């Protein structure tokens, strides 16, 4: 397992993981879950931006990849149980 964590991911790989999180967050049909997933991804990437040790960066990157897989599976499950009515937050804004 130590061999898998020795190589540090490139900045483009980290950015790709971030974009994947945002894309997966958009797939959730429920507004609350969609925004929560997006907010958690943004917060986690901001928190891990301060990491400087290559081993901790690669560990955070591998954890992020596993969390992305979880989010993808959850998006599929949530799409099977779409609420019958859209959230008020998803309705288009109409001026009075």
N, C-alpha and C. Protein backbone atom coordinates (compact mmCIF):
# COMPACT_ATOMS: atom_id res chain seq x y z
N UNK A 1 0.83 -1.20 0.00
CA UNK A 1 0.00 0.00 0.00
C UNK A 1 0.87 1.25 0.00
N UNK A 2 2.05 1.18 0.56
CA UNK A 2 2.92 2.34 0.62
C UNK A 2 3.38 2.76 -0.77
N UNK A 3 3.47 1.81 -1.70
CA UNK A 3 3.90 2.14 -3.06
C UNK A 3 2.85 2.97 -3.78
N UNK A 4 1.58 2.76 -3.45
CA UNK A 4 0.51 3.50 -4.11
C UNK A 4 0.45 4.95 -3.64
N UNK A 5 0.95 5.23 -2.44
CA UNK A 5 0.86 6.58 -1.90
C UNK A 5 2.13 7.39 -2.10
N UNK A 6 3.19 6.79 -2.70
CA UNK A 6 4.44 7.51 -2.83
C UNK A 6 4.40 8.55 -3.94
N UNK A 7 3.68 8.31 -5.00
CA UNK A 7 3.65 9.29 -6.09
C UNK A 7 2.55 10.31 -5.81
N UNK A 8 2.94 11.55 -5.87
CA UNK A 8 2.00 12.64 -5.59
C UNK A 8 1.22 12.96 -6.86
N UNK A 9 -0.08 13.21 -6.75
CA UNK A 9 -0.87 13.53 -7.94
C UNK A 9 -0.49 14.91 -8.49
N UNK A 10 -0.64 15.06 -9.79
CA UNK A 10 -0.31 16.34 -10.42
C UNK A 10 -1.44 17.33 -10.16
N UNK A 11 -1.16 18.62 -10.29
CA UNK A 11 -2.22 19.63 -10.12
C UNK A 11 -3.39 19.42 -11.09
N UNK A 12 -3.10 18.94 -12.30
CA UNK A 12 -4.19 18.71 -13.25
C UNK A 12 -5.06 17.53 -12.81
N UNK A 13 -4.47 16.52 -12.16
CA UNK A 13 -5.27 15.41 -11.65
C UNK A 13 -6.15 15.87 -10.49
N UNK A 14 -5.62 16.74 -9.67
CA UNK A 14 -6.40 17.26 -8.54
C UNK A 14 -7.55 18.12 -9.05
N UNK A 15 -7.28 18.95 -10.04
CA UNK A 15 -8.33 19.78 -10.63
C UNK A 15 -9.39 18.92 -11.31
N UNK A 16 -8.97 17.86 -11.95
CA UNK A 16 -9.91 16.94 -12.59
C UNK A 16 -10.81 16.27 -11.55
N UNK A 17 -10.24 15.89 -10.41
CA UNK A 17 -11.04 15.31 -9.33
C UNK A 17 -12.05 16.32 -8.80
N UNK A 18 -11.63 17.56 -8.64
CA UNK A 18 -12.54 18.62 -8.17
C UNK A 18 -13.69 18.81 -9.16
N UNK A 19 -13.38 18.89 -10.43
CA UNK A 19 -14.42 19.07 -11.45
C UNK A 19 -15.37 17.87 -11.48
N UNK A 20 -14.83 16.69 -11.27
CA UNK A 20 -15.68 15.49 -11.24
C UNK A 20 -16.66 15.56 -10.07
N UNK A 21 -16.19 16.04 -8.93
CA UNK A 21 -17.09 16.19 -7.78
C UNK A 21 -18.22 17.16 -8.09
N UNK A 22 -17.89 18.27 -8.71
CA UNK A 22 -18.92 19.26 -9.03
C UNK A 22 -19.90 18.68 -10.04
N UNK A 23 -19.40 17.95 -11.03
CA UNK A 23 -20.27 17.32 -12.03
C UNK A 23 -21.21 16.30 -11.39
N UNK A 24 -20.69 15.49 -10.48
CA UNK A 24 -21.52 14.49 -9.81
C UNK A 24 -22.55 15.19 -8.93
N UNK A 25 -22.16 16.26 -8.29
CA UNK A 25 -23.11 16.98 -7.43
C UNK A 25 -24.30 17.48 -8.24
N UNK A 26 -24.07 17.88 -9.47
CA UNK A 26 -25.17 18.36 -10.31
C UNK A 26 -26.16 17.27 -10.68
N UNK A 27 -25.77 16.01 -10.53
CA UNK A 27 -26.64 14.90 -10.92
C UNK A 27 -27.71 14.58 -9.88
N UNK A 28 -27.56 15.08 -8.67
CA UNK A 28 -28.55 14.79 -7.64
C UNK A 28 -29.84 15.54 -7.94
N UNK A 29 -30.97 14.84 -7.94
CA UNK A 29 -32.25 15.51 -8.24
C UNK A 29 -32.74 16.42 -7.11
N UNK A 30 -32.35 16.14 -5.88
CA UNK A 30 -32.81 16.93 -4.74
C UNK A 30 -31.88 18.11 -4.50
N UNK A 31 -32.45 19.28 -4.36
CA UNK A 31 -31.68 20.51 -4.18
C UNK A 31 -30.77 20.44 -2.96
N UNK A 32 -31.31 19.98 -1.83
CA UNK A 32 -30.53 19.95 -0.59
C UNK A 32 -29.32 19.04 -0.70
N UNK A 33 -29.49 17.87 -1.25
CA UNK A 33 -28.38 16.93 -1.40
C UNK A 33 -27.38 17.45 -2.41
N UNK A 34 -27.87 18.04 -3.48
CA UNK A 34 -27.00 18.60 -4.52
C UNK A 34 -26.10 19.70 -3.95
N UNK A 35 -26.69 20.62 -3.22
CA UNK A 35 -25.92 21.72 -2.64
C UNK A 35 -25.00 21.25 -1.53
N UNK A 36 -25.44 20.27 -0.75
CA UNK A 36 -24.60 19.73 0.31
C UNK A 36 -23.36 19.07 -0.28
N UNK A 37 -23.54 18.28 -1.32
CA UNK A 37 -22.41 17.59 -1.95
C UNK A 37 -21.44 18.60 -2.53
N UNK A 38 -21.96 19.62 -3.18
CA UNK A 38 -21.09 20.65 -3.76
C UNK A 38 -20.33 21.40 -2.67
N UNK A 39 -21.02 21.76 -1.59
CA UNK A 39 -20.40 22.50 -0.50
C UNK A 39 -19.32 21.66 0.20
N UNK A 40 -19.60 20.37 0.42
CA UNK A 40 -18.62 19.50 1.06
C UNK A 40 -17.38 19.33 0.20
N UNK A 41 -17.57 19.24 -1.12
CA UNK A 41 -16.42 19.10 -2.02
C UNK A 41 -15.56 20.36 -1.98
N UNK A 42 -16.20 21.51 -2.06
CA UNK A 42 -15.46 22.78 -2.04
C UNK A 42 -14.71 22.93 -0.72
N UNK A 43 -15.38 22.64 0.39
CA UNK A 43 -14.73 22.76 1.70
C UNK A 43 -13.56 21.81 1.85
N UNK A 44 -13.71 20.58 1.37
CA UNK A 44 -12.63 19.60 1.49
C UNK A 44 -11.42 20.01 0.65
N UNK A 45 -11.66 20.50 -0.54
CA UNK A 45 -10.54 20.90 -1.38
C UNK A 45 -9.86 22.15 -0.82
N UNK A 46 -10.61 23.06 -0.26
CA UNK A 46 -9.98 24.23 0.38
C UNK A 46 -9.15 23.83 1.58
N UNK A 47 -9.66 22.90 2.36
CA UNK A 47 -8.93 22.45 3.55
C UNK A 47 -7.65 21.73 3.15
N UNK A 48 -7.71 20.90 2.12
CA UNK A 48 -6.55 20.13 1.70
C UNK A 48 -5.59 20.93 0.82
N UNK A 49 -5.94 22.13 0.44
CA UNK A 49 -5.04 22.96 -0.35
C UNK A 49 -3.81 23.37 0.47
N UNK A 50 -3.93 23.31 1.78
CA UNK A 50 -2.83 23.70 2.66
C UNK A 50 -1.80 22.59 2.85
N UNK A 51 -2.09 21.39 2.35
CA UNK A 51 -1.17 20.27 2.51
C UNK A 51 0.08 20.50 1.68
N UNK A 52 1.23 20.16 2.26
CA UNK A 52 2.49 20.35 1.53
C UNK A 52 3.31 19.07 1.44
N UNK A 53 3.07 18.13 2.31
CA UNK A 53 3.82 16.88 2.30
C UNK A 53 3.26 15.95 1.22
N UNK A 54 4.10 15.42 0.34
CA UNK A 54 3.60 14.57 -0.76
C UNK A 54 2.80 13.36 -0.30
N UNK A 55 3.18 12.75 0.81
CA UNK A 55 2.43 11.58 1.27
C UNK A 55 1.02 11.96 1.72
N UNK A 56 0.89 13.10 2.39
CA UNK A 56 -0.44 13.53 2.82
C UNK A 56 -1.29 13.99 1.65
N UNK A 57 -0.65 14.57 0.63
CA UNK A 57 -1.39 14.97 -0.58
C UNK A 57 -1.92 13.75 -1.30
N UNK A 58 -1.08 12.73 -1.47
CA UNK A 58 -1.53 11.53 -2.17
C UNK A 58 -2.57 10.77 -1.36
N UNK A 59 -2.46 10.81 -0.04
CA UNK A 59 -3.46 10.17 0.81
C UNK A 59 -4.81 10.88 0.68
N UNK A 60 -4.79 12.20 0.71
CA UNK A 60 -6.03 12.97 0.54
C UNK A 60 -6.62 12.75 -0.84
N UNK A 61 -5.76 12.64 -1.85
CA UNK A 61 -6.22 12.41 -3.22
C UNK A 61 -6.90 11.05 -3.35
N UNK A 62 -6.29 10.01 -2.78
CA UNK A 62 -6.91 8.68 -2.86
C UNK A 62 -8.22 8.64 -2.07
N UNK A 63 -8.26 9.34 -0.93
CA UNK A 63 -9.51 9.42 -0.17
C UNK A 63 -10.58 10.15 -0.99
N UNK A 64 -10.19 11.21 -1.68
CA UNK A 64 -11.13 11.95 -2.53
C UNK A 64 -11.66 11.09 -3.66
N UNK A 65 -10.81 10.27 -4.25
CA UNK A 65 -11.27 9.38 -5.32
C UNK A 65 -12.28 8.37 -4.80
N UNK A 66 -12.03 7.85 -3.60
CA UNK A 66 -12.99 6.90 -3.04
C UNK A 66 -14.31 7.59 -2.70
N UNK A 67 -14.24 8.84 -2.23
CA UNK A 67 -15.46 9.58 -1.93
C UNK A 67 -16.22 9.94 -3.20
N UNK A 68 -15.49 10.17 -4.29
CA UNK A 68 -16.14 10.43 -5.58
C UNK A 68 -16.93 9.21 -6.02
N UNK A 69 -16.37 8.01 -5.83
CA UNK A 69 -17.10 6.79 -6.18
C UNK A 69 -18.36 6.65 -5.35
N UNK A 70 -18.27 6.98 -4.07
CA UNK A 70 -19.45 6.93 -3.20
C UNK A 70 -20.51 7.92 -3.69
N UNK A 71 -20.09 9.13 -4.04
CA UNK A 71 -21.03 10.15 -4.51
C UNK A 71 -21.69 9.71 -5.81
N UNK A 72 -20.94 9.08 -6.70
CA UNK A 72 -21.52 8.59 -7.95
C UNK A 72 -22.60 7.54 -7.69
N UNK A 73 -22.30 6.61 -6.79
CA UNK A 73 -23.30 5.58 -6.45
C UNK A 73 -24.53 6.21 -5.81
N UNK A 74 -24.31 7.18 -4.93
CA UNK A 74 -25.45 7.83 -4.27
C UNK A 74 -26.30 8.61 -5.27
N UNK A 75 -25.67 9.21 -6.26
CA UNK A 75 -26.43 9.95 -7.27
C UNK A 75 -27.35 9.01 -8.04
N UNK A 76 -26.86 7.81 -8.31
CA UNK A 76 -27.70 6.82 -9.01
C UNK A 76 -28.87 6.41 -8.12
N UNK A 77 -28.60 6.14 -6.85
CA UNK A 77 -29.65 5.73 -5.93
C UNK A 77 -30.69 6.84 -5.77
N UNK A 78 -30.23 8.08 -5.60
CA UNK A 78 -31.16 9.20 -5.44
C UNK A 78 -31.97 9.43 -6.71
N UNK A 79 -31.40 9.14 -7.87
CA UNK A 79 -32.16 9.32 -9.11
C UNK A 79 -33.30 8.31 -9.23
N UNK A 80 -33.20 7.19 -8.52
CA UNK A 80 -34.28 6.20 -8.53
C UNK A 80 -35.47 6.64 -7.69
N UNK A 81 -35.23 7.54 -6.75
CA UNK A 81 -36.28 7.97 -5.83
C UNK A 81 -36.46 9.49 -5.90
N UNK A 82 -36.73 9.98 -7.08
CA UNK A 82 -36.93 11.41 -7.29
C UNK A 82 -38.24 11.82 -6.63
N UNK A 83 -38.25 12.92 -5.87
CA UNK A 83 -39.50 13.36 -5.25
C UNK A 83 -40.52 13.75 -6.33
N UNK A 84 -41.81 13.55 -6.04
CA UNK A 84 -42.83 13.84 -7.05
C UNK A 84 -42.93 15.32 -7.42
N UNK A 85 -42.62 16.18 -6.47
CA UNK A 85 -42.66 17.62 -6.73
C UNK A 85 -41.25 18.18 -6.61
N UNK A 86 -40.90 19.12 -7.48
CA UNK A 86 -39.57 19.72 -7.35
C UNK A 86 -39.48 20.61 -6.11
N UNK A 87 -38.29 20.83 -5.66
CA UNK A 87 -38.06 21.72 -4.54
C UNK A 87 -38.40 23.16 -4.95
N UNK A 88 -38.76 23.96 -4.00
CA UNK A 88 -39.04 25.37 -4.27
C UNK A 88 -37.80 26.05 -4.83
N UNK A 89 -36.63 25.60 -4.41
CA UNK A 89 -35.38 26.19 -4.87
C UNK A 89 -35.10 25.86 -6.34
N UNK A 90 -35.71 24.80 -6.85
CA UNK A 90 -35.50 24.43 -8.25
C UNK A 90 -36.47 25.10 -9.21
N UNK A 91 -37.49 25.76 -8.69
CA UNK A 91 -38.46 26.42 -9.56
C UNK A 91 -37.83 27.67 -10.17
N UNK A 92 -38.20 27.97 -11.41
CA UNK A 92 -37.63 29.17 -12.03
C UNK A 92 -38.13 30.44 -11.34
N UNK A 93 -37.27 31.42 -11.26
CA UNK A 93 -37.63 32.69 -10.65
C UNK A 93 -38.49 33.49 -11.61
N UNK A 94 -39.63 33.94 -11.13
CA UNK A 94 -40.50 34.78 -11.94
C UNK A 94 -40.69 36.09 -11.20
N UNK A 95 -40.46 37.20 -11.88
CA UNK A 95 -40.66 38.49 -11.20
C UNK A 95 -42.14 38.72 -10.93
N UNK A 96 -42.42 39.45 -9.89
CA UNK A 96 -43.80 39.73 -9.51
C UNK A 96 -44.45 40.70 -10.47
